């Protein structure tokens, strides 16, 4: 790789999702990194969701610049709502590694599970990528570059545990796989910059809330799993940076924004085989729900007042951003909705648009992040109202192992069990994200998300270009 005689300081950048000062107190290994170096509050962006904040970290731009206005949005030219896309071309702006390579040609980068990895000109990529069989089956796997890395990781670590990465079974098994993949890449490729995304705190904090004992245990368990990676990175001369995109706060109120728009006659559905599907092209207004943020797309300017009135009267809605409000929050981008709703601190938005559960589409009961026209944290649960849910899951798993088609219809249509969410700007530093650095040079008093790119360049010993 790069010439070690003139090499910039190598970096390991850990995106520890949901990390806050309160949780850090349960994580002695990360606390030791901060004690040897420094830590600072991180001022995130709206919406405080993964794809938006990571894009801000890596470009130094706000959503109005890089265009990633959420984890997904309404693609007006396709007439479809799409979440969790993977192509790096969706992100505008100058990447961190572009600036680094201008300052130091040959600068090498490994991306281990940060979002929008595919298509990026990094030297190493590891990202979740299921196998979609011709008969409809979905099987766990990952995408890598170089291609040979796929077989290396699979042989050493096993198949990427997709169903432990998201869904009712999501747990630390996927986190350990990602951590061990990062260790392997650092040992075998020795990149100048290693990006590692560790989502484990997302799971129990959304399931149970940030103060539940199970969530505190999740923080301690993750810290233990991170210890070998931290030790190896520091022993090899890497500066370790750990940061988070948002803090997860306690919630108790799901807000059915699309149902409200439908009752007002603004949202349209079409029916197939007795199931209702959102019809975004025919709707006068509909929302793409994304945790505590909802982009509301209004087809005709004459309907803006009606849509705003619905949102303004809906319990659980705190703010409704129009053109002026979006500009103030750096969300003035063509991908944004004509209106953007922000939930109250204890509330979050569902994507649900049907008025009768008997008319819900079949994907509503599945872990299906690509077909649902909004984010669904109920995917973290098995339906508590279905006494046979575990039998159904076991039967589906058996069919999968036999190579037969299966449907894992276990997700509840009742969103009330969800106890944690994010997306709003944090009310206080203790509940918000932070940044930790092992470097002896102290961090600024506060770090803006837009300044992370420049900070990482300075920690590498490179001038921002």
Protein backbone atom coordinates (compact mmCIF):
# COMPACT_ATOMS: atom_id res chain seq x y z
CA UNK A 1 0.00 0.00 0.00
CA UNK A 2 1.24 3.53 0.65
CA UNK A 3 4.90 4.30 1.34
CA UNK A 4 5.36 3.85 5.10
CA UNK A 5 8.25 6.34 5.19
CA UNK A 6 5.96 9.18 4.21
CA UNK A 7 2.75 7.65 5.41
CA UNK A 8 0.03 9.75 7.02
CA UNK A 9 -1.08 8.69 10.48
CA UNK A 10 -3.34 5.69 9.90
CA UNK A 11 -6.87 6.00 11.29
CA UNK A 12 -9.52 3.60 12.51
CA UNK A 13 -12.88 5.40 12.53
CA UNK A 14 -15.62 3.55 14.41
CA UNK A 15 -19.21 4.59 13.88
CA UNK A 16 -20.70 3.29 17.14
CA UNK A 17 -24.36 3.90 16.44
CA UNK A 18 -26.34 5.36 19.34
CA UNK A 19 -23.29 6.03 21.54
CA UNK A 20 -23.92 8.79 24.09
CA UNK A 21 -22.03 10.00 27.17
CA UNK A 22 -24.49 8.08 29.37
CA UNK A 23 -23.74 4.82 27.57
CA UNK A 24 -20.01 5.51 27.45
CA UNK A 25 -19.95 5.18 31.24
CA UNK A 26 -20.82 1.49 30.71
CA UNK A 27 -18.01 0.96 28.19
CA UNK A 28 -14.59 0.85 29.91
CA UNK A 29 -12.50 0.13 26.81
CA UNK A 30 -13.87 3.07 24.85
CA UNK A 31 -13.67 5.19 28.00
CA UNK A 32 -9.97 4.36 28.23
CA UNK A 33 -9.47 5.56 24.64
CA UNK A 34 -11.14 8.86 25.56
CA UNK A 35 -9.13 9.16 28.78
CA UNK A 36 -5.84 8.72 26.91
CA UNK A 37 -6.96 11.20 24.26
CA UNK A 38 -10.05 13.39 24.38
CA UNK A 39 -13.78 13.53 23.74
CA UNK A 40 -16.30 16.17 22.73
CA UNK A 41 -20.02 16.51 22.04
CA UNK A 42 -20.92 16.13 18.38
CA UNK A 43 -23.50 18.49 16.89
CA UNK A 44 -25.42 16.32 14.46
CA UNK A 45 -27.70 17.30 11.57
CA UNK A 46 -31.43 17.02 10.92
CA UNK A 47 -32.54 14.34 10.31
CA UNK A 48 -30.28 12.52 12.75
CA UNK A 49 -30.45 9.20 10.88
CA UNK A 50 -27.71 6.93 9.58
CA UNK A 51 -27.52 7.67 5.87
CA UNK A 52 -27.81 11.44 6.33
CA UNK A 53 -25.27 11.78 9.12
CA UNK A 54 -22.70 9.42 7.60
CA UNK A 55 -22.89 11.36 4.33
CA UNK A 56 -22.31 14.57 6.29
CA UNK A 57 -19.29 13.07 8.07
CA UNK A 58 -17.69 11.97 4.82
CA UNK A 59 -18.39 15.06 2.68
CA UNK A 60 -18.50 17.92 5.18
CA UNK A 61 -21.80 18.98 3.57
CA UNK A 62 -25.25 19.36 5.06
CA UNK A 63 -28.18 17.44 3.49
CA UNK A 64 -28.89 20.40 1.22
CA UNK A 65 -25.43 19.83 -0.26
CA UNK A 66 -24.94 16.06 -0.37
CA UNK A 67 -28.61 15.32 -1.05
CA UNK A 68 -29.09 12.44 1.39
CA UNK A 69 -32.19 13.82 3.09
CA UNK A 70 -32.95 10.62 5.00
CA UNK A 71 -32.49 6.87 4.88
CA UNK A 72 -34.69 7.06 1.81
CA UNK A 73 -37.00 9.38 -0.04
CA UNK A 74 -39.54 9.58 -2.85
CA UNK A 75 -37.77 9.22 -6.19
CA UNK A 76 -39.98 11.55 -8.19
CA UNK A 77 -38.61 10.42 -11.54
CA UNK A 78 -39.42 6.78 -10.68
CA UNK A 79 -42.69 7.37 -8.86
CA UNK A 80 -41.48 5.15 -6.04
CA UNK A 81 -40.35 5.37 -2.43
CA UNK A 82 -36.95 3.73 -1.98
CA UNK A 83 -35.06 3.29 1.27
CA UNK A 84 -31.65 1.84 2.05
CA UNK A 85 -30.17 2.10 -1.44
CA UNK A 86 -26.46 1.33 -1.64
CA UNK A 87 -24.98 3.19 -4.62
CA UNK A 88 -22.45 5.83 -3.64
CA UNK A 89 -23.48 7.97 -6.62
CA UNK A 90 -26.55 9.03 -4.61
CA UNK A 91 -24.20 11.13 -2.46
CA UNK A 92 -23.00 14.46 -3.84
CA UNK A 93 -19.89 16.27 -2.69
CA UNK A 94 -16.17 15.82 -2.22
CA UNK A 95 -15.45 12.67 -0.22
CA UNK A 96 -13.01 12.47 2.67
CA UNK A 97 -10.76 10.15 0.67
CA UNK A 98 -10.82 12.47 -2.35
CA UNK A 99 -9.37 15.24 -0.21
CA UNK A 100 -6.89 12.85 1.39
CA UNK A 101 -5.66 11.61 -2.00
CA UNK A 102 -5.12 15.14 -3.24
CA UNK A 103 -2.88 15.74 -0.25
CA UNK A 104 -1.31 12.28 -0.36
CA UNK A 105 -1.61 10.37 -3.65
CA UNK A 106 -2.09 6.67 -3.08
CA UNK A 107 -4.02 7.13 0.17
CA UNK A 108 -5.88 3.87 0.83
CA UNK A 109 -9.33 3.42 2.36
CA UNK A 110 -11.35 0.46 3.63
CA UNK A 111 -15.09 0.79 4.17
CA UNK A 112 -16.50 -1.90 6.45
CA UNK A 113 -20.29 -1.53 6.42
CA UNK A 114 -20.63 2.26 6.35
CA UNK A 115 -23.55 3.11 4.11
CA UNK A 116 -23.42 3.92 0.37
CA UNK A 117 -20.33 1.76 0.02
CA UNK A 118 -21.10 0.19 -3.34
CA UNK A 119 -19.69 2.08 -6.28
CA UNK A 120 -17.38 4.16 -4.12
CA UNK A 121 -13.74 4.35 -5.17
CA UNK A 122 -12.41 3.04 -1.88
CA UNK A 123 -9.79 0.31 -1.99
CA UNK A 124 -11.71 -2.14 0.17
CA UNK A 125 -15.47 -2.56 0.57
CA UNK A 126 -17.43 -4.91 2.80
CA UNK A 127 -21.18 -4.34 2.93
CA UNK A 128 -24.30 -6.48 3.53
CA UNK A 129 -25.74 -7.76 0.25
CA UNK A 130 -28.25 -10.65 0.30
CA UNK A 131 -28.56 -13.21 -2.47
CA UNK A 132 -31.95 -12.77 -4.10
CA UNK A 133 -32.77 -16.13 -5.65
CA UNK A 134 -34.86 -16.38 -8.81
CA UNK A 135 -37.61 -18.15 -6.86
CA UNK A 136 -37.93 -15.28 -4.37
CA UNK A 137 -35.74 -16.62 -1.56
CA UNK A 138 -33.42 -14.20 0.20
CA UNK A 139 -30.20 -15.60 1.64
CA UNK A 140 -27.53 -13.92 3.77
CA UNK A 141 -24.34 -12.73 2.14
CA UNK A 142 -22.16 -9.68 1.63
CA UNK A 143 -20.51 -7.76 -1.21
CA UNK A 144 -16.80 -7.11 -1.13
CA UNK A 145 -14.14 -5.44 -3.14
CA UNK A 146 -11.71 -6.86 -4.01
CA UNK A 147 -13.93 -9.79 -4.90
CA UNK A 148 -11.51 -12.32 -3.40
CA UNK A 149 -12.08 -10.80 0.03
CA UNK A 150 -15.58 -12.32 0.05
CA UNK A 151 -14.24 -15.86 0.19
CA UNK A 152 -11.52 -14.92 2.66
CA UNK A 153 -14.05 -13.54 5.11
CA UNK A 154 -16.57 -16.32 4.56
CA UNK A 155 -13.96 -18.99 5.13
CA UNK A 156 -12.61 -17.28 8.23
CA UNK A 157 -15.79 -15.87 9.81
CA UNK A 158 -18.65 -17.70 8.15
CA UNK A 159 -21.39 -16.20 5.99
CA UNK A 160 -22.31 -12.65 6.88
CA UNK A 161 -25.12 -13.06 9.48
CA UNK A 162 -27.72 -10.91 7.75
CA UNK A 163 -30.62 -12.03 9.94
CA UNK A 164 -28.62 -11.06 13.04
CA UNK A 165 -27.85 -7.64 11.46
CA UNK A 166 -31.51 -6.54 11.34
CA UNK A 167 -34.84 -8.02 12.33
CA UNK A 168 -36.16 -9.85 15.41
CA UNK A 169 -32.90 -11.81 15.63
CA UNK A 170 -30.60 -8.77 15.45
CA UNK A 171 -27.88 -9.04 18.09
CA UNK A 172 -24.15 -8.89 18.72
CA UNK A 173 -23.40 -11.82 16.40
CA UNK A 174 -23.46 -9.43 13.44
CA UNK A 175 -21.40 -6.86 15.34
CA UNK A 176 -18.71 -9.40 16.12
CA UNK A 177 -18.60 -10.44 12.45
CA UNK A 178 -18.11 -6.81 11.38
CA UNK A 179 -15.46 -6.23 14.04
CA UNK A 180 -13.56 -9.37 13.07
CA UNK A 181 -13.83 -8.47 9.38
CA UNK A 182 -12.29 -5.09 10.22
CA UNK A 183 -9.46 -6.77 12.11
CA UNK A 184 -8.83 -9.05 9.11
CA UNK A 185 -8.78 -6.16 6.65
CA UNK A 186 -6.40 -4.13 8.82
CA UNK A 187 -4.08 -7.12 9.20
CA UNK A 188 -4.07 -8.14 5.54
CA UNK A 189 -4.54 -4.82 3.67
CA UNK A 190 -3.23 -2.23 6.16
CA UNK A 191 -5.31 0.71 4.85
CA UNK A 192 -4.50 4.30 5.75
CA UNK A 193 -8.13 4.88 6.72
CA UNK A 194 -10.43 2.14 8.03
CA UNK A 195 -14.12 2.95 8.43
CA UNK A 196 -16.07 0.48 10.59
CA UNK A 197 -19.83 0.70 11.22
CA UNK A 198 -21.06 -1.04 14.38
CA UNK A 199 -24.87 -0.90 14.69
CA UNK A 200 -25.42 -3.05 17.79
CA UNK A 201 -26.73 -0.30 20.08
CA UNK A 202 -29.53 0.39 17.61
CA UNK A 203 -31.27 -2.85 18.50
CA UNK A 204 -32.07 -3.01 22.21
CA UNK A 205 -32.20 0.77 22.56
CA UNK A 206 -35.05 0.88 20.05
CA UNK A 207 -36.66 -2.24 21.50
CA UNK A 208 -36.50 -1.27 25.16
CA UNK A 209 -35.41 2.37 25.43
CA UNK A 210 -32.01 3.84 26.30
CA UNK A 211 -32.25 3.39 30.09
CA UNK A 212 -33.47 -0.20 30.19
CA UNK A 213 -31.03 -2.66 31.84
CA UNK A 214 -30.98 -4.69 28.64
CA UNK A 215 -29.80 -1.63 26.71
CA UNK A 216 -27.09 -0.89 29.26
CA UNK A 217 -25.94 -4.49 29.01
CA UNK A 218 -25.85 -4.15 25.20
CA UNK A 219 -23.42 -1.24 25.61
CA UNK A 220 -21.17 -3.23 27.94
CA UNK A 221 -21.26 -6.29 25.67
CA UNK A 222 -20.37 -4.22 22.62
CA UNK A 223 -17.46 -2.63 24.46
CA UNK A 224 -16.10 -6.09 25.29
CA UNK A 225 -16.42 -7.13 21.65
CA UNK A 226 -14.59 -3.99 20.51
CA UNK A 227 -11.64 -4.51 22.85
CA UNK A 228 -9.45 -6.68 20.55
CA UNK A 229 -9.99 -4.30 17.62
CA UNK A 230 -9.09 -1.28 19.76
CA UNK A 231 -5.98 -3.00 21.13
CA UNK A 232 -4.76 -4.05 17.69
CA UNK A 233 -5.40 -0.63 16.17
CA UNK A 234 -3.52 1.22 18.90
CA UNK A 235 -0.67 -1.31 18.92
CA UNK A 236 -0.20 -0.83 15.17
CA UNK A 237 0.10 2.96 15.54
CA UNK A 238 -3.39 3.86 14.40
CA UNK A 239 -5.27 6.77 15.84
CA UNK A 240 -8.70 5.55 16.93
CA UNK A 241 -11.70 7.78 16.43
CA UNK A 242 -15.09 6.65 17.73
CA UNK A 243 -18.15 8.70 16.95
CA UNK A 244 -21.90 8.37 16.76
CA UNK A 245 -24.58 9.72 14.46
CA UNK A 246 -27.29 10.28 17.06
CA UNK A 247 -28.49 9.35 20.51
CA UNK A 248 -31.59 7.22 20.94
CA UNK A 249 -34.23 8.70 23.22
CA UNK A 250 -37.21 7.10 24.95
CA UNK A 251 -40.48 7.19 23.02
CA UNK A 252 -43.98 5.94 23.76
CA UNK A 253 -46.22 7.38 21.01
CA UNK A 254 -46.35 6.10 17.42
CA UNK A 255 -47.84 8.69 15.08
CA UNK A 256 -49.70 7.43 12.01
CA UNK A 257 -49.02 10.34 9.71
CA UNK A 258 -50.07 8.58 6.49
CA UNK A 259 -53.35 7.41 7.99
CA UNK A 260 -54.13 11.02 8.90
CA UNK A 261 -53.38 12.14 5.33
CA UNK A 262 -55.54 9.33 3.99
CA UNK A 263 -58.50 10.22 6.21
CA UNK A 264 -58.20 13.78 4.91
CA UNK A 265 -58.56 12.49 1.34
CA UNK A 266 -54.98 13.33 0.35
CA UNK A 267 -53.40 9.85 0.21
CA UNK A 268 -54.45 7.23 -2.33
CA UNK A 269 -54.02 3.45 -2.36
CA UNK A 270 -54.60 0.77 -4.96
CA UNK A 271 -55.76 -2.76 -4.19
CA UNK A 272 -54.43 -6.11 -5.39
CA UNK A 273 -55.60 -9.48 -4.08
CA UNK A 274 -57.36 -7.75 -1.20
CA UNK A 275 -54.21 -5.92 -0.10
CA UNK A 276 -53.73 -2.15 -0.17
CA UNK A 277 -50.60 -0.54 -1.57
CA UNK A 278 -49.58 3.08 -1.33
CA UNK A 279 -50.08 4.88 -4.65
CA UNK A 280 -47.60 7.75 -4.47
CA UNK A 281 -48.13 8.81 -8.07
CA UNK A 282 -51.87 9.26 -7.52
CA UNK A 283 -51.69 10.70 -4.00
CA UNK A 284 -52.09 14.41 -3.43
CA UNK A 285 -49.92 14.07 -0.33
CA UNK A 286 -48.15 11.22 1.49
CA UNK A 287 -45.31 10.85 3.95
CA UNK A 288 -42.05 8.91 3.92
CA UNK A 289 -41.70 8.14 7.62
CA UNK A 290 -38.13 7.89 8.92
CA UNK A 291 -37.98 7.50 12.70
CA UNK A 292 -38.86 10.96 14.11
CA UNK A 293 -38.82 12.70 10.73
CA UNK A 294 -41.32 12.45 7.88
CA UNK A 295 -40.85 13.93 4.44
CA UNK A 296 -44.33 14.85 3.19
CA UNK A 297 -44.59 14.99 -0.58
CA UNK A 298 -47.37 17.24 -1.89
CA UNK A 299 -48.02 16.91 -5.60
CA UNK A 300 -49.93 20.18 -6.18
CA UNK A 301 -49.00 23.46 -4.44
CA UNK A 302 -52.72 24.09 -3.98
CA UNK A 303 -52.78 21.17 -1.50
CA UNK A 304 -49.96 22.48 0.70
CA UNK A 305 -52.31 24.27 3.08
CA UNK A 306 -54.51 21.19 3.48
CA UNK A 307 -51.52 18.90 4.11
CA UNK A 308 -50.03 21.34 6.58
CA UNK A 309 -53.34 21.58 8.42
CA UNK A 310 -53.46 17.79 8.79
CA UNK A 311 -49.94 17.72 10.19
CA UNK A 312 -50.56 20.69 12.46
CA UNK A 313 -53.60 19.01 14.02
CA UNK A 314 -51.95 15.62 14.46
CA UNK A 315 -50.95 14.79 18.06
CA UNK A 316 -47.26 13.97 18.29
CA UNK A 317 -46.12 16.40 15.58
CA UNK A 318 -43.82 19.08 16.98
CA UNK A 319 -42.71 21.03 13.91
CA UNK A 320 -43.78 21.31 10.28
CA UNK A 321 -41.01 22.72 8.11
CA UNK A 322 -41.96 24.58 4.94
CA UNK A 323 -39.49 26.06 2.45
CA UNK A 324 -38.20 28.56 4.99
CA UNK A 325 -37.96 25.95 7.74
CA UNK A 326 -36.19 23.46 5.50
CA UNK A 327 -33.66 26.12 4.55
CA UNK A 328 -33.02 26.94 8.19
CA UNK A 329 -32.30 23.26 8.87
CA UNK A 330 -30.28 22.71 5.67
CA UNK A 331 -32.91 20.39 4.19
CA UNK A 332 -33.69 22.56 1.17
CA UNK A 333 -32.97 19.93 -1.47
CA UNK A 334 -35.19 18.69 -4.33
CA UNK A 335 -35.31 15.23 -2.73
CA UNK A 336 -36.96 16.59 0.41
CA UNK A 337 -40.70 16.62 0.80
CA UNK A 338 -42.56 19.86 0.23
CA UNK A 339 -43.11 19.71 4.00
CA UNK A 340 -41.01 18.00 6.65
CA UNK A 341 -42.65 16.92 9.90
CA UNK A 342 -40.64 16.53 13.11
CA UNK A 343 -42.10 14.42 15.91
CA UNK A 344 -42.36 15.50 19.52
CA UNK A 345 -39.59 14.14 21.78
CA UNK A 346 -41.56 11.08 22.94
CA UNK A 347 -43.13 10.33 19.55
CA UNK A 348 -42.11 8.76 16.25
CA UNK A 349 -43.70 8.24 12.82
CA UNK A 350 -45.05 4.96 11.44
CA UNK A 351 -45.24 4.34 7.70
CA UNK A 352 -48.68 2.68 7.99
CA UNK A 353 -51.26 3.88 5.46
CA UNK A 354 -53.97 1.17 5.59
CA UNK A 355 -56.97 1.68 7.88
CA UNK A 356 -57.77 -2.00 8.42
CA UNK A 357 -55.05 -4.53 9.29
CA UNK A 358 -56.89 -7.11 7.23
CA UNK A 359 -56.02 -4.98 4.18
CA UNK A 360 -52.32 -4.60 5.03
CA UNK A 361 -49.90 -5.81 2.32
CA UNK A 362 -48.16 -9.09 3.01
CA UNK A 363 -44.78 -7.37 3.30
CA UNK A 364 -46.02 -5.48 6.37
CA UNK A 365 -45.56 -8.64 8.45
CA UNK A 366 -42.09 -9.32 7.03
CA UNK A 367 -38.64 -7.90 7.57
CA UNK A 368 -38.64 -6.13 4.22
CA UNK A 369 -36.73 -2.87 4.32
CA UNK A 370 -36.85 -2.31 0.56
CA UNK A 371 -40.57 -2.70 -0.14
CA UNK A 372 -41.93 -0.77 2.81
CA UNK A 373 -42.44 2.92 1.91
CA UNK A 374 -40.94 4.02 5.21
CA UNK A 375 -38.91 2.82 8.16
CA UNK A 376 -40.44 0.11 10.37
CA UNK A 377 -38.83 -0.47 13.81
CA UNK A 378 -41.49 -3.11 14.54
CA UNK A 379 -39.24 -5.37 12.46
CA UNK A 380 -37.14 -5.75 15.61
CA UNK A 381 -39.95 -7.73 17.25
CA UNK A 382 -41.85 -10.96 16.81
CA UNK A 383 -45.59 -10.41 16.94
CA UNK A 384 -46.56 -10.80 20.64
CA UNK A 385 -50.23 -11.23 19.70
CA UNK A 386 -49.57 -14.29 17.55
CA UNK A 387 -49.35 -17.38 19.83
CA UNK A 388 -47.86 -19.39 16.99
CA UNK A 389 -45.30 -16.83 15.87
CA UNK A 390 -42.29 -18.92 16.89
CA UNK A 391 -43.76 -22.01 15.28
CA UNK A 392 -44.26 -20.01 12.09
CA UNK A 393 -40.66 -18.77 12.27
CA UNK A 394 -39.31 -22.29 12.85
CA UNK A 395 -41.36 -23.66 9.95
CA UNK A 396 -40.11 -20.91 7.66
CA UNK A 397 -36.52 -21.55 8.74
CA UNK A 398 -36.91 -25.27 8.03
CA UNK A 399 -38.25 -24.53 4.55
CA UNK A 400 -35.32 -22.18 3.97
CA UNK A 401 -32.81 -24.88 4.96
CA UNK A 402 -34.48 -27.28 2.54
CA UNK A 403 -34.11 -24.75 -0.27
CA UNK A 404 -37.88 -24.15 -0.45
CA UNK A 405 -39.65 -20.82 -0.71
CA UNK A 406 -40.68 -19.41 2.64
CA UNK A 407 -42.27 -16.35 4.22
CA UNK A 408 -41.08 -15.19 7.65
CA UNK A 409 -44.35 -13.41 8.51
CA UNK A 410 -43.58 -12.64 12.16
CA UNK A 411 -43.52 -8.82 12.40
CA UNK A 412 -46.34 -7.23 14.43
CA UNK A 413 -48.66 -4.60 12.98
CA UNK A 414 -48.89 -3.01 16.42
CA UNK A 415 -46.03 -0.50 16.81
CA UNK A 416 -46.58 0.15 20.53
CA UNK A 417 -43.69 -2.04 21.81
CA UNK A 418 -41.10 0.36 20.31
CA UNK A 419 -39.42 2.27 23.14
CA UNK A 420 -36.56 4.15 21.49
CA UNK A 421 -36.16 6.38 18.44
CA UNK A 422 -34.09 9.19 16.97
CA UNK A 423 -34.07 11.73 14.17
CA UNK A 424 -34.70 14.94 16.09
CA UNK A 425 -31.81 17.08 17.22
CA UNK A 426 -30.88 16.01 20.77
CA UNK A 427 -32.23 18.02 23.72
CA UNK A 428 -28.97 17.81 25.69
CA UNK A 429 -25.39 16.64 25.25
CA UNK A 430 -25.91 13.63 27.54
CA UNK A 431 -28.54 12.31 25.12
CA UNK A 432 -26.69 13.24 21.95
CA UNK A 433 -23.79 11.86 19.94
CA UNK A 434 -20.12 12.40 20.71
CA UNK A 435 -16.68 11.94 19.24
CA UNK A 436 -13.68 10.28 20.90
CA UNK A 437 -10.08 10.41 19.74
CA UNK A 438 -7.04 8.55 20.99
CA UNK A 439 -4.72 11.27 19.67
CA UNK A 440 -2.90 13.30 22.35
CA UNK A 441 -3.93 16.55 20.67
CA UNK A 442 -7.25 17.56 22.26
CA UNK A 443 -10.43 17.80 20.25
CA UNK A 444 -12.24 21.12 19.90
CA UNK A 445 -14.74 21.95 22.63
CA UNK A 446 -17.53 20.84 20.28
CA UNK A 447 -17.41 19.13 16.90
CA UNK A 448 -20.00 19.78 14.21
CA UNK A 449 -20.93 16.86 11.97
CA UNK A 450 -19.85 19.00 9.00
CA UNK A 451 -16.40 19.37 10.59
CA UNK A 452 -15.72 15.63 11.00
CA UNK A 453 -14.18 15.36 7.53
CA UNK A 454 -11.70 18.14 8.28
CA UNK A 455 -10.99 16.73 11.73
CA UNK A 456 -10.11 13.32 10.31
CA UNK A 457 -7.80 14.89 7.74
CA UNK A 458 -5.99 16.78 10.49
CA UNK A 459 -5.70 13.65 12.65
CA UNK A 460 -4.15 11.90 9.65
CA UNK A 461 -1.65 14.71 9.30
CA UNK A 462 -3.12 15.92 6.01
CA UNK A 463 -4.21 19.43 5.11
CA UNK A 464 -7.84 19.75 3.99
CA UNK A 465 -7.92 20.49 0.26
